[in-house]
N, C-alpha and C. Protein backbone atom coordinates (compact mmCIF):
# COMPACT_ATOMS: atom_id res chain seq x y z
N MET A 1 205.79 244.06 39.14
CA MET A 1 205.59 243.98 38.08
C MET A 1 203.96 243.91 37.85
N ALA A 2 203.10 244.64 37.20
CA ALA A 2 201.64 244.32 37.00
C ALA A 2 201.60 243.21 36.61
N CYS A 3 200.06 243.00 36.69
CA CYS A 3 199.53 241.74 36.11
C CYS A 3 199.54 242.18 34.65
N LEU A 4 199.65 241.86 33.40
CA LEU A 4 198.97 242.09 32.60
C LEU A 4 198.49 240.87 31.17
N ASP A 5 197.56 241.37 30.83
CA ASP A 5 196.95 240.22 29.95
C ASP A 5 197.67 240.08 28.62
N ARG A 6 198.57 238.94 28.80
CA ARG A 6 199.49 238.71 27.56
C ARG A 6 199.53 237.38 27.38
N PRO A 7 200.08 236.84 26.30
CA PRO A 7 199.82 235.26 26.07
C PRO A 7 201.22 234.94 26.97
N LEU A 8 201.09 233.44 27.11
CA LEU A 8 202.18 232.77 28.02
C LEU A 8 202.28 231.48 27.47
N GLY A 9 203.31 231.12 26.71
CA GLY A 9 203.64 229.68 26.61
C GLY A 9 204.00 228.58 27.11
N LEU A 10 203.10 227.53 27.64
CA LEU A 10 203.30 226.66 28.49
C LEU A 10 204.46 226.37 28.38
N VAL A 11 205.31 225.64 29.49
CA VAL A 11 206.31 224.85 29.56
C VAL A 11 206.30 223.62 30.05
N ALA A 12 206.64 222.54 29.46
CA ALA A 12 207.02 221.23 29.58
C ALA A 12 207.69 221.31 31.04
N VAL A 13 207.19 220.66 32.19
CA VAL A 13 207.94 220.52 33.23
C VAL A 13 208.33 218.91 33.59
N PRO A 14 209.55 218.54 33.89
CA PRO A 14 209.98 217.34 34.10
C PRO A 14 209.46 217.03 35.20
N ARG A 15 208.95 215.51 35.33
CA ARG A 15 208.45 215.07 36.76
C ARG A 15 209.49 214.84 37.77
N GLU A 16 209.16 215.41 39.03
CA GLU A 16 210.46 214.59 39.99
C GLU A 16 209.80 213.87 40.82
N PRO A 17 211.09 212.99 41.24
CA PRO A 17 210.66 211.76 42.39
C PRO A 17 209.73 212.52 43.52
N GLN A 18 208.86 211.53 43.88
CA GLN A 18 207.98 212.28 45.24
C GLN A 18 208.99 212.46 46.23
N LEU A 19 208.68 213.15 46.85
CA LEU A 19 209.67 213.38 48.20
C LEU A 19 208.75 212.88 49.43
N ILE A 20 209.62 212.23 50.23
CA ILE A 20 209.04 211.68 51.35
C ILE A 20 209.97 212.12 52.90
N THR A 21 209.09 212.02 54.08
CA THR A 21 209.87 212.26 55.12
C THR A 21 210.05 211.37 55.99
N ALA A 22 211.42 211.52 56.84
CA ALA A 22 211.63 210.31 57.98
C ALA A 22 210.46 210.00 58.69
N SER A 23 209.55 211.36 59.16
CA SER A 23 208.36 211.19 60.22
C SER A 23 207.20 211.78 59.85
N PRO A 24 206.08 211.57 60.52
CA PRO A 24 204.86 212.67 59.94
C PRO A 24 204.81 213.54 60.30
N ILE A 25 204.68 214.38 59.45
CA ILE A 25 204.72 216.10 59.63
C ILE A 25 203.50 216.57 59.02
N SER A 26 203.27 218.00 59.73
CA SER A 26 202.16 218.70 59.34
C SER A 26 202.28 219.21 58.00
N PRO A 27 201.50 219.23 57.15
CA PRO A 27 202.00 219.97 55.74
C PRO A 27 201.71 221.33 55.71
N VAL A 28 202.10 222.31 54.99
CA VAL A 28 202.25 223.49 54.60
C VAL A 28 201.01 223.86 54.11
N GLN A 29 200.06 224.85 54.87
CA GLN A 29 199.18 225.40 54.04
C GLN A 29 199.63 226.40 53.09
N VAL A 30 199.40 226.16 51.77
CA VAL A 30 199.61 226.98 50.68
C VAL A 30 197.98 227.51 50.25
N THR A 31 198.00 228.82 50.42
CA THR A 31 197.01 229.53 50.03
C THR A 31 197.06 230.37 48.51
N VAL A 32 196.73 230.37 47.57
CA VAL A 32 197.06 230.96 46.40
C VAL A 32 195.70 231.93 46.33
N PHE A 33 196.15 233.50 45.77
CA PHE A 33 195.31 234.32 45.39
C PHE A 33 195.66 234.96 44.15
N TYR A 34 194.86 234.50 43.30
CA TYR A 34 195.06 234.59 42.04
C TYR A 34 193.88 235.35 41.27
N GLU A 35 193.97 234.94 39.65
CA GLU A 35 192.79 235.58 38.85
C GLU A 35 192.92 234.48 37.70
N ALA A 36 191.92 234.72 37.02
CA ALA A 36 191.94 233.25 36.02
C ALA A 36 192.56 233.93 34.76
N LEU A 37 192.79 235.02 34.46
CA LEU A 37 193.22 235.48 32.99
C LEU A 37 194.67 235.82 33.28
N CYS A 38 195.22 236.06 34.52
CA CYS A 38 196.34 236.61 34.62
C CYS A 38 197.79 235.88 34.42
N PRO A 39 198.44 236.34 33.44
CA PRO A 39 199.37 235.28 32.75
C PRO A 39 200.60 235.12 34.02
N ASP A 40 200.67 235.92 34.83
CA ASP A 40 201.73 235.38 36.03
C ASP A 40 200.98 234.64 37.21
N SER A 41 199.74 234.75 37.43
CA SER A 41 198.94 233.51 37.98
C SER A 41 199.32 232.43 37.31
N ARG A 42 198.81 232.77 35.85
CA ARG A 42 198.95 230.90 34.96
C ARG A 42 200.42 230.64 34.97
N SER A 43 201.58 231.35 35.01
CA SER A 43 203.20 230.65 35.22
C SER A 43 203.25 230.28 36.49
N PHE A 44 202.67 230.71 37.46
CA PHE A 44 202.66 230.03 38.92
C PHE A 44 201.98 228.68 39.00
N PHE A 45 201.14 228.59 38.60
CA PHE A 45 200.26 227.49 38.14
C PHE A 45 201.12 226.44 37.65
N ILE A 46 201.57 226.73 36.68
CA ILE A 46 202.07 225.59 35.45
C ILE A 46 203.78 225.27 36.06
N LYS A 47 204.40 226.39 36.36
CA LYS A 47 205.90 226.17 36.73
C LYS A 47 206.16 225.96 38.06
N GLN A 48 205.07 226.31 39.22
CA GLN A 48 205.45 226.31 40.30
C GLN A 48 204.76 225.51 41.33
N LEU A 49 203.49 225.48 41.11
CA LEU A 49 202.17 224.96 42.16
C LEU A 49 202.43 223.27 41.67
N ILE A 50 201.98 223.03 40.04
CA ILE A 50 201.68 221.79 40.01
C ILE A 50 202.86 220.87 40.10
N PRO A 51 204.03 221.52 39.93
CA PRO A 51 205.40 220.65 39.96
C PRO A 51 205.60 220.70 41.24
N THR A 52 205.26 221.40 42.18
CA THR A 52 205.59 221.47 44.28
C THR A 52 204.75 220.09 44.15
N PHE A 53 203.52 220.29 43.84
CA PHE A 53 202.27 219.23 44.10
C PHE A 53 202.64 217.58 43.82
N GLU A 54 203.32 217.88 42.76
CA GLU A 54 204.07 216.37 41.80
C GLU A 54 204.69 216.07 43.12
N ARG A 55 205.92 216.71 43.19
CA ARG A 55 207.04 216.32 43.80
C ARG A 55 206.66 216.10 45.41
N ALA A 56 205.85 216.67 45.72
CA ALA A 56 205.77 216.80 47.51
C ALA A 56 204.36 216.99 48.06
N SER A 57 203.23 216.19 47.39
CA SER A 57 201.92 216.30 47.75
C SER A 57 201.39 216.32 49.21
N ARG A 58 202.15 215.23 49.88
CA ARG A 58 202.07 215.16 51.18
C ARG A 58 202.40 216.12 52.01
N LEU A 59 203.29 217.10 51.61
CA LEU A 59 203.68 218.20 52.38
C LEU A 59 203.37 219.75 52.41
N VAL A 60 202.10 219.61 51.60
CA VAL A 60 201.08 220.59 51.44
C VAL A 60 199.57 220.65 51.07
N ASP A 61 198.92 221.30 51.72
CA ASP A 61 197.67 221.44 51.60
C ASP A 61 197.22 222.97 50.83
N ILE A 62 196.26 223.00 49.70
CA ILE A 62 196.65 223.78 48.67
C ILE A 62 195.02 224.19 49.12
N ALA A 63 194.95 225.92 49.09
CA ALA A 63 193.57 226.79 48.89
C ALA A 63 193.73 227.11 47.79
N LEU A 64 192.74 227.33 47.14
CA LEU A 64 192.78 228.35 45.93
C LEU A 64 191.65 229.39 46.20
N VAL A 65 191.68 230.61 45.53
CA VAL A 65 190.88 231.66 46.04
C VAL A 65 191.39 232.58 44.96
N PRO A 66 190.31 232.12 43.75
CA PRO A 66 190.11 232.90 42.49
C PRO A 66 189.48 234.27 42.64
N TYR A 67 189.94 235.16 42.53
CA TYR A 67 189.58 237.14 42.60
C TYR A 67 190.40 237.85 42.10
N GLY A 68 191.49 237.83 42.58
CA GLY A 68 192.61 238.47 42.34
C GLY A 68 192.35 240.16 42.47
N LYS A 69 192.61 241.21 41.69
CA LYS A 69 192.10 242.59 41.68
C LYS A 69 190.72 242.83 41.30
N ALA A 70 189.69 241.91 41.29
CA ALA A 70 188.46 242.04 40.87
C ALA A 70 187.72 243.20 42.22
N LYS A 71 186.39 243.33 41.66
CA LYS A 71 185.83 244.56 42.64
C LYS A 71 184.39 243.71 42.81
N THR A 72 183.49 244.07 43.65
CA THR A 72 182.16 243.52 43.72
C THR A 72 181.16 244.42 44.09
N GLU A 73 180.27 244.60 43.82
CA GLU A 73 179.21 245.60 44.27
C GLU A 73 177.88 244.91 44.40
N VAL A 74 177.39 245.12 45.41
CA VAL A 74 176.03 244.97 46.02
C VAL A 74 174.74 245.48 44.95
N VAL A 75 173.76 244.32 44.32
CA VAL A 75 173.20 244.84 43.48
C VAL A 75 171.66 245.07 43.86
N GLU A 76 170.88 246.14 43.97
CA GLU A 76 169.74 246.43 44.65
C GLU A 76 168.75 245.00 44.28
N GLY A 77 167.91 244.58 45.35
CA GLY A 77 166.85 243.53 45.25
C GLY A 77 167.95 242.68 45.46
N GLY A 78 169.07 242.41 45.40
CA GLY A 78 169.90 241.02 45.93
C GLY A 78 171.11 240.80 44.82
N GLY A 79 172.00 239.55 45.31
CA GLY A 79 172.96 239.48 44.27
C GLY A 79 174.13 240.57 44.37
N TYR A 80 175.17 240.18 43.32
CA TYR A 80 176.20 240.64 43.17
C TYR A 80 176.70 240.92 41.87
N SER A 81 177.41 242.07 41.53
CA SER A 81 177.80 242.56 40.30
C SER A 81 179.39 242.49 40.47
N PHE A 82 180.39 241.76 39.66
CA PHE A 82 181.79 241.88 39.32
C PHE A 82 182.38 242.59 38.06
N MET A 83 183.16 243.01 38.58
CA MET A 83 184.26 244.07 37.89
C MET A 83 185.90 243.19 37.81
N CYS A 84 186.26 242.68 36.78
CA CYS A 84 187.52 242.05 37.29
C CYS A 84 188.57 242.53 36.24
N GLN A 85 189.55 242.61 36.79
CA GLN A 85 190.89 243.38 36.19
C GLN A 85 190.91 243.14 34.71
N HIS A 86 190.84 241.59 34.10
CA HIS A 86 190.61 241.19 32.42
C HIS A 86 189.40 241.41 31.88
N GLY A 87 188.31 242.15 32.39
CA GLY A 87 187.36 241.87 31.91
C GLY A 87 185.90 240.62 32.26
N PRO A 88 184.73 240.95 31.86
CA PRO A 88 183.80 239.95 31.82
C PRO A 88 184.24 238.52 31.95
N ILE A 89 185.16 238.38 30.79
CA ILE A 89 185.54 236.91 30.83
C ILE A 89 185.96 236.27 31.72
N GLU A 90 187.03 237.18 32.33
CA GLU A 90 188.06 236.82 33.77
C GLU A 90 186.95 236.70 34.74
N CYS A 91 185.71 237.61 35.02
CA CYS A 91 184.66 236.93 36.09
C CYS A 91 184.08 235.91 35.69
N GLU A 92 183.76 235.42 34.43
CA GLU A 92 183.25 234.24 34.37
C GLU A 92 183.91 233.04 34.75
N ALA A 93 185.50 233.17 34.31
CA ALA A 93 186.30 232.14 34.62
C ALA A 93 186.49 231.80 36.17
N ASN A 94 186.54 232.96 36.91
CA ASN A 94 186.49 232.97 38.15
C ASN A 94 185.60 232.41 38.69
N LYS A 95 184.51 232.09 38.16
CA LYS A 95 183.22 231.89 39.23
C LYS A 95 183.48 230.27 38.41
N ILE A 96 183.70 229.69 37.35
CA ILE A 96 184.12 228.45 37.34
C ILE A 96 185.41 227.76 38.05
N HIS A 97 186.11 228.46 38.54
CA HIS A 97 187.50 227.89 39.16
C HIS A 97 186.88 227.86 40.54
N ALA A 98 185.83 228.77 41.19
CA ALA A 98 185.55 228.84 42.45
C ALA A 98 184.46 227.77 42.68
N CYS A 99 183.58 227.30 41.57
CA CYS A 99 182.84 226.29 41.86
C CYS A 99 183.61 224.84 41.95
N ALA A 100 184.62 224.90 40.93
CA ALA A 100 185.51 223.83 40.58
C ALA A 100 186.14 223.22 41.93
N VAL A 101 186.54 224.67 42.59
CA VAL A 101 187.35 224.25 44.17
C VAL A 101 186.30 223.39 45.37
N VAL A 102 184.88 223.98 45.18
CA VAL A 102 183.94 223.09 46.12
C VAL A 102 183.48 221.78 45.36
N LYS A 103 183.55 221.64 44.09
CA LYS A 103 182.38 220.49 43.67
C LYS A 103 183.51 219.49 43.48
N VAL A 104 184.67 219.78 43.04
CA VAL A 104 185.68 218.44 42.79
C VAL A 104 186.38 218.61 44.02
N ARG A 105 186.11 217.12 44.36
CA ARG A 105 186.33 216.97 46.05
C ARG A 105 187.89 216.46 46.09
N HIS A 106 188.38 215.66 45.07
CA HIS A 106 189.55 215.16 44.89
C HIS A 106 190.76 216.13 44.63
N GLU A 107 191.90 216.54 45.71
CA GLU A 107 192.57 217.65 45.63
C GLU A 107 193.79 217.66 44.15
N ALA A 108 194.32 216.70 44.13
CA ALA A 108 194.91 216.46 42.71
C ALA A 108 194.21 216.68 41.61
N THR A 109 192.91 215.87 41.67
CA THR A 109 191.98 216.42 40.19
C THR A 109 191.49 217.89 39.97
N ARG A 110 191.43 218.12 41.46
CA ARG A 110 190.98 219.73 41.41
C ARG A 110 192.21 220.52 41.06
N LEU A 111 193.05 220.23 41.22
CA LEU A 111 194.47 221.34 40.63
C LEU A 111 194.62 221.06 39.38
N GLN A 112 194.30 219.80 39.17
CA GLN A 112 194.70 219.67 37.12
C GLN A 112 193.84 220.02 36.58
N PHE A 113 192.61 220.29 37.00
CA PHE A 113 191.31 221.14 36.32
C PHE A 113 191.62 222.57 36.10
N ILE A 114 191.91 222.67 37.26
CA ILE A 114 192.26 224.11 37.16
C ILE A 114 193.46 224.77 36.44
N ALA A 115 194.47 223.78 36.41
CA ALA A 115 195.39 224.08 35.79
C ALA A 115 195.05 223.90 34.20
N CYS A 116 194.39 223.02 33.79
CA CYS A 116 193.75 222.83 32.47
C CYS A 116 193.19 224.31 31.90
N MET A 117 192.37 224.33 32.64
CA MET A 117 191.81 225.82 32.37
C MET A 117 192.43 227.02 32.47
N ILE A 118 193.48 227.04 33.15
CA ILE A 118 194.21 228.31 33.44
C ILE A 118 194.93 228.85 32.30
N ALA A 119 195.21 227.40 31.19
CA ALA A 119 196.08 227.79 30.20
C ALA A 119 195.19 228.06 28.95
N ASP A 120 193.82 228.14 29.08
CA ASP A 120 193.31 228.55 27.70
C ASP A 120 191.82 228.89 28.43
N ASN A 121 191.96 230.11 29.24
CA ASN A 121 191.13 230.89 29.84
C ASN A 121 190.02 231.52 29.19
N LEU A 122 190.35 232.13 28.08
CA LEU A 122 189.70 232.88 26.85
C LEU A 122 188.46 232.45 26.79
N ARG A 123 188.23 231.32 26.43
CA ARG A 123 187.07 230.35 26.57
C ARG A 123 186.31 229.56 27.39
N PRO A 124 186.08 230.40 29.06
CA PRO A 124 186.11 229.48 30.25
C PRO A 124 185.01 228.50 30.08
N THR A 125 183.69 228.51 29.25
CA THR A 125 182.87 227.64 29.50
C THR A 125 183.23 226.33 28.68
N ASP A 126 183.87 226.94 27.59
CA ASP A 126 184.20 225.63 26.49
C ASP A 126 185.16 224.87 27.08
N ILE A 127 186.45 225.65 27.74
CA ILE A 127 187.89 224.97 27.86
C ILE A 127 187.05 224.22 29.37
N GLY A 128 186.44 225.15 29.84
CA GLY A 128 185.99 224.19 31.33
C GLY A 128 185.56 222.35 30.85
N GLN A 129 184.55 222.90 30.13
CA GLN A 129 183.80 221.31 29.79
C GLN A 129 184.63 220.34 29.18
N SER A 130 185.74 221.35 28.18
CA SER A 130 187.07 220.26 27.73
C SER A 130 187.68 219.54 28.91
N CYS A 131 188.13 220.58 29.80
CA CYS A 131 189.04 220.03 31.24
C CYS A 131 188.14 218.80 31.45
N ALA A 132 186.87 219.27 32.14
CA ALA A 132 186.34 218.39 32.98
C ALA A 132 186.03 216.79 32.24
N GLU A 133 185.75 216.75 30.97
CA GLU A 133 185.75 215.38 30.09
C GLU A 133 187.22 215.14 30.19
N GLN A 134 188.12 215.83 29.92
CA GLN A 134 189.88 215.44 30.04
C GLN A 134 190.10 214.25 31.69
N TRP A 135 189.21 215.22 32.48
CA TRP A 135 190.11 214.49 33.75
C TRP A 135 188.99 213.63 34.50
N ASN A 136 187.93 213.55 33.73
CA ASN A 136 186.75 212.64 34.12
C ASN A 136 186.01 213.26 35.58
N ILE A 137 185.53 214.41 35.20
CA ILE A 137 184.65 215.49 36.16
C ILE A 137 183.20 215.80 35.63
N ALA A 138 182.62 215.52 36.49
CA ALA A 138 181.07 215.84 36.16
C ALA A 138 181.00 217.60 36.14
N TRP A 139 180.59 217.75 34.86
CA TRP A 139 180.70 219.53 34.50
C TRP A 139 179.47 219.83 34.98
N GLU A 140 178.44 219.13 34.58
CA GLU A 140 177.07 219.96 34.81
C GLU A 140 176.96 220.58 36.23
N PRO A 141 177.32 220.11 37.11
CA PRO A 141 177.53 220.55 38.45
C PRO A 141 178.17 221.97 38.80
N ILE A 142 179.37 221.98 38.04
CA ILE A 142 180.58 223.15 37.81
C ILE A 142 179.70 224.25 37.39
N LEU A 143 179.18 223.90 35.94
CA LEU A 143 178.34 224.77 34.95
C LEU A 143 176.79 225.24 35.84
N GLU A 144 176.23 224.71 36.31
CA GLU A 144 175.33 224.87 37.21
C GLU A 144 175.43 226.17 38.14
N CYS A 145 176.70 225.55 39.19
CA CYS A 145 176.94 226.84 40.15
C CYS A 145 177.38 227.70 39.68
N ALA A 146 178.46 228.01 38.37
CA ALA A 146 179.19 229.02 37.93
C ALA A 146 177.92 229.74 37.11
N THR A 147 176.98 229.49 36.85
CA THR A 147 175.91 230.19 36.18
C THR A 147 174.53 230.62 37.14
N GLY A 148 174.69 230.25 38.03
CA GLY A 148 174.02 230.69 39.35
C GLY A 148 174.13 231.27 40.34
N SER A 149 173.56 231.45 41.30
CA SER A 149 173.98 232.19 42.49
C SER A 149 174.85 231.86 43.34
N GLU A 150 174.92 230.49 43.26
CA GLU A 150 176.12 229.91 44.25
C GLU A 150 177.44 230.37 43.57
N GLY A 151 177.36 230.45 42.38
CA GLY A 151 178.80 230.83 42.32
C GLY A 151 179.35 232.66 42.17
N SER A 152 178.24 233.16 42.30
CA SER A 152 178.39 234.52 42.66
C SER A 152 178.68 234.61 44.40
N ASP A 153 177.86 233.47 44.49
CA ASP A 153 178.40 234.03 46.52
C ASP A 153 179.51 233.61 46.81
N LEU A 154 180.11 232.33 45.94
CA LEU A 154 181.29 231.74 46.47
C LEU A 154 182.20 233.10 45.58
N LEU A 155 182.18 233.50 44.78
CA LEU A 155 183.19 234.69 44.25
C LEU A 155 183.13 235.92 45.21
N LYS A 156 181.87 236.17 45.91
CA LYS A 156 181.73 237.04 46.67
C LYS A 156 182.95 236.65 47.98
N ARG A 157 182.44 235.56 48.28
CA ARG A 157 183.53 235.12 49.51
C ARG A 157 184.87 235.41 49.41
N HIS A 158 185.44 234.82 48.00
CA HIS A 158 186.85 234.83 47.76
C HIS A 158 187.16 236.07 47.87
N GLY A 159 186.38 237.79 47.20
CA GLY A 159 186.61 238.77 47.16
C GLY A 159 186.72 239.35 48.66
N ASP A 160 185.99 238.79 49.61
CA ASP A 160 186.09 239.45 51.12
C ASP A 160 187.46 238.74 51.81
N ALA A 161 187.24 237.41 51.61
CA ALA A 161 188.90 236.73 52.00
C ALA A 161 190.28 237.77 51.18
N THR A 162 190.06 238.17 49.81
CA THR A 162 191.41 239.04 49.09
C THR A 162 191.25 240.44 49.95
N ASP A 163 190.54 240.76 50.07
CA ASP A 163 190.22 241.82 50.53
C ASP A 163 190.56 242.22 52.00
N ALA A 164 190.50 241.07 52.62
CA ALA A 164 190.87 241.10 54.01
C ALA A 164 192.50 240.76 54.44
N LEU A 165 193.18 240.65 53.39
CA LEU A 165 194.72 240.16 53.62
C LEU A 165 195.28 241.37 54.10
N ASN A 166 195.95 241.46 54.94
CA ASN A 166 196.77 242.43 55.68
C ASN A 166 198.46 242.05 55.75
N PRO A 167 199.21 242.38 55.00
CA PRO A 167 199.06 243.81 54.52
C PRO A 167 198.25 243.39 52.97
N LYS A 168 197.62 244.27 52.37
CA LYS A 168 196.79 244.30 50.95
C LYS A 168 197.75 243.88 49.89
N ALA A 169 197.19 243.01 49.00
CA ALA A 169 197.48 242.00 47.83
C ALA A 169 197.86 243.21 46.80
N THR A 170 199.47 243.23 46.39
CA THR A 170 199.52 244.47 45.44
C THR A 170 199.89 244.16 44.05
N PHE A 171 200.26 242.39 44.40
CA PHE A 171 200.62 241.65 43.30
C PHE A 171 199.92 240.48 42.99
N ILE A 172 199.37 239.78 41.87
CA ILE A 172 198.49 238.79 41.74
C ILE A 172 199.45 238.09 41.09
N PRO A 173 199.64 236.59 41.16
CA PRO A 173 199.28 236.01 42.39
C PRO A 173 199.66 236.46 43.97
N THR A 174 199.48 236.34 45.10
CA THR A 174 199.64 236.10 46.36
C THR A 174 199.63 234.74 46.95
N ILE A 175 201.00 234.83 47.55
CA ILE A 175 200.60 233.36 47.95
C ILE A 175 201.32 233.28 49.58
N LEU A 176 200.11 232.49 50.43
CA LEU A 176 200.41 232.55 51.78
C LEU A 176 200.94 231.18 52.21
N LEU A 177 201.88 231.03 52.90
CA LEU A 177 202.20 229.75 53.76
C LEU A 177 202.08 229.71 54.74
N ASP A 178 201.48 229.23 55.45
CA ASP A 178 200.46 229.08 57.00
C ASP A 178 200.16 230.64 56.82
N GLN A 179 199.58 231.01 56.21
CA GLN A 179 199.20 232.35 56.75
C GLN A 179 199.82 233.57 56.41
N SER A 180 201.30 233.47 56.30
CA SER A 180 202.09 234.56 56.03
C SER A 180 202.26 234.87 54.58
N GLN A 181 202.76 236.18 54.35
CA GLN A 181 202.81 236.87 53.21
C GLN A 181 204.42 236.78 53.16
N GLU A 182 204.99 236.39 53.77
CA GLU A 182 206.47 236.70 53.65
C GLU A 182 207.24 236.11 52.52
N HIS A 183 208.31 236.38 52.22
CA HIS A 183 209.15 236.02 51.02
C HIS A 183 208.52 235.82 49.59
N GLN A 184 207.40 236.54 49.19
CA GLN A 184 206.78 236.55 48.27
C GLN A 184 207.55 236.23 46.88
N PRO A 185 208.92 237.06 46.89
CA PRO A 185 209.98 236.99 45.50
C PRO A 185 210.26 235.68 45.30
N ALA A 186 210.61 234.99 46.63
CA ALA A 186 211.39 233.45 46.40
C ALA A 186 210.09 233.04 46.58
N ILE A 187 208.78 232.58 46.78
CA ILE A 187 208.03 231.74 46.49
C ILE A 187 207.18 231.71 45.13
N LEU A 188 207.19 232.75 44.35
CA LEU A 188 207.09 232.87 43.10
C LEU A 188 208.03 232.48 42.27
N LYS A 189 209.34 232.40 42.89
CA LYS A 189 210.55 231.91 42.18
C LYS A 189 210.73 230.36 42.27
N ASP A 190 210.54 229.98 43.29
CA ASP A 190 210.84 228.47 43.81
C ASP A 190 209.89 228.33 45.05
N LEU A 191 208.91 227.85 44.50
CA LEU A 191 207.83 227.16 45.90
C LEU A 191 208.28 225.85 46.56
N PHE A 192 208.48 225.64 45.95
CA PHE A 192 209.25 223.96 46.97
C PHE A 192 210.28 224.30 47.80
N LYS A 193 211.45 225.28 47.29
CA LYS A 193 212.27 225.56 48.16
C LYS A 193 211.46 226.54 48.94
N GLU A 194 210.80 227.18 49.18
CA GLU A 194 210.13 227.54 50.39
C GLU A 194 209.60 226.78 51.30
N ILE A 195 208.85 225.73 50.76
CA ILE A 195 207.91 224.90 51.47
C ILE A 195 209.15 224.29 51.94
N CYS A 196 210.30 223.72 51.78
CA CYS A 196 211.16 223.12 52.35
C CYS A 196 211.69 223.92 53.57
N HIS A 197 211.95 225.49 53.33
CA HIS A 197 212.66 226.09 54.50
C HIS A 197 211.20 226.26 55.66
N GLU A 198 209.93 225.96 55.17
CA GLU A 198 208.77 226.44 56.15
C GLU A 198 208.94 224.99 57.00
N LEU A 199 209.57 223.85 56.45
CA LEU A 199 209.20 222.47 57.50
C LEU A 199 210.62 222.73 58.57
N LYS A 200 211.63 223.44 57.83
CA LYS A 200 212.72 222.82 58.79
C LYS A 200 212.84 223.36 59.76
N THR A 201 212.08 224.57 60.68
CA THR A 201 211.85 224.55 62.03
C THR A 201 211.55 223.10 62.70
N ILE A 202 210.82 222.19 62.20
CA ILE A 202 210.88 221.08 62.80
C ILE A 202 211.92 219.69 62.11
N ASP A 203 212.95 220.41 61.27
CA ASP A 203 214.21 219.55 60.78
C ASP A 203 213.73 218.07 60.37
N PRO A 204 212.66 218.04 59.40
CA PRO A 204 212.53 216.98 58.84
C PRO A 204 213.63 216.47 57.67
N VAL A 205 213.37 214.99 57.64
CA VAL A 205 214.75 214.67 57.05
C VAL A 205 213.95 214.26 55.40
N ILE A 206 214.34 215.39 54.79
CA ILE A 206 213.32 215.03 53.33
C ILE A 206 214.74 214.65 52.23
N TYR A 207 214.40 213.29 51.63
CA TYR A 207 215.18 212.84 51.01
C TYR A 207 214.28 212.34 49.70
N GLU A 208 214.91 212.14 48.40
CA GLU A 208 214.17 211.75 47.05
C GLU A 208 214.21 210.03 47.57
N SER A 209 213.18 209.37 47.13
CA SER A 209 213.03 208.39 46.94
C SER A 209 213.82 207.64 45.63
N LYS A 210 214.86 206.56 45.72
CA LYS A 210 214.89 206.10 44.41
C LYS A 210 214.36 204.84 44.04
N ASN A 211 213.02 204.41 44.58
CA ASN A 211 211.82 203.51 44.06
C ASN A 211 210.54 203.78 43.58
N MET A 212 210.49 205.43 44.47
CA MET A 212 209.13 205.61 44.57
C MET A 212 208.92 206.82 43.18
N PRO A 213 207.71 206.29 42.32
CA PRO A 213 207.46 207.35 41.57
C PRO A 213 206.68 208.37 41.97
N ALA A 214 206.89 209.28 40.91
CA ALA A 214 206.17 210.63 41.20
C ALA A 214 205.01 210.57 41.41
N ALA A 215 204.42 211.18 42.41
CA ALA A 215 202.70 211.31 42.60
C ALA A 215 201.87 211.66 41.18
N THR A 216 201.01 210.82 40.71
CA THR A 216 200.32 211.00 39.71
C THR A 216 198.89 212.05 40.28
N LEU A 217 198.62 212.86 39.14
CA LEU A 217 197.21 213.96 39.55
C LEU A 217 196.19 213.15 38.77
N ILE A 218 196.08 211.76 38.99
CA ILE A 218 194.86 211.91 38.45
C ILE A 218 193.78 210.65 39.44
């Protein structure tokens, strides 16, 4: 199914008990190749990525690559020009996301900021500022980055990473688990389950703590 620009209502997701393991394990590297105005990307963030992080933050390291099906051209005299699948607004939003990835150091806060933005990216600058205020994030460094050469350089870098995927991404979002593109339909349907499958090679004992609250995203 192609990624179409269509409205998507957000679904309230019940908080899950935080999962813990019987012994320390290496987290699964989750790399999300997405674009800011794609409803399928938005759905994955809201229904899969955020709930999985809330439930098992110790079991995942999440890397975000906002670019998707965009195109990059080198501008004569220096700099870059971008053409995004959903138009210039998406390019603007992708830059803000790219800058937030490097400017917001705390992983949980960064994820919640991106999830907040992706719910209403048709006004990327306004919603970015609103989400920054909501999560107590310094907005000016992100805005300065997104409107300057740093934002363009970051988006170009994400474009290079996206274009280097082998096989090429035919659907957005594309999710890598420990650098593997296998099992895309299953990942998009139930990320948490696939994370557990990735970890079973070391046979971790994962269980729901009866006394431990879900991880907060603040």
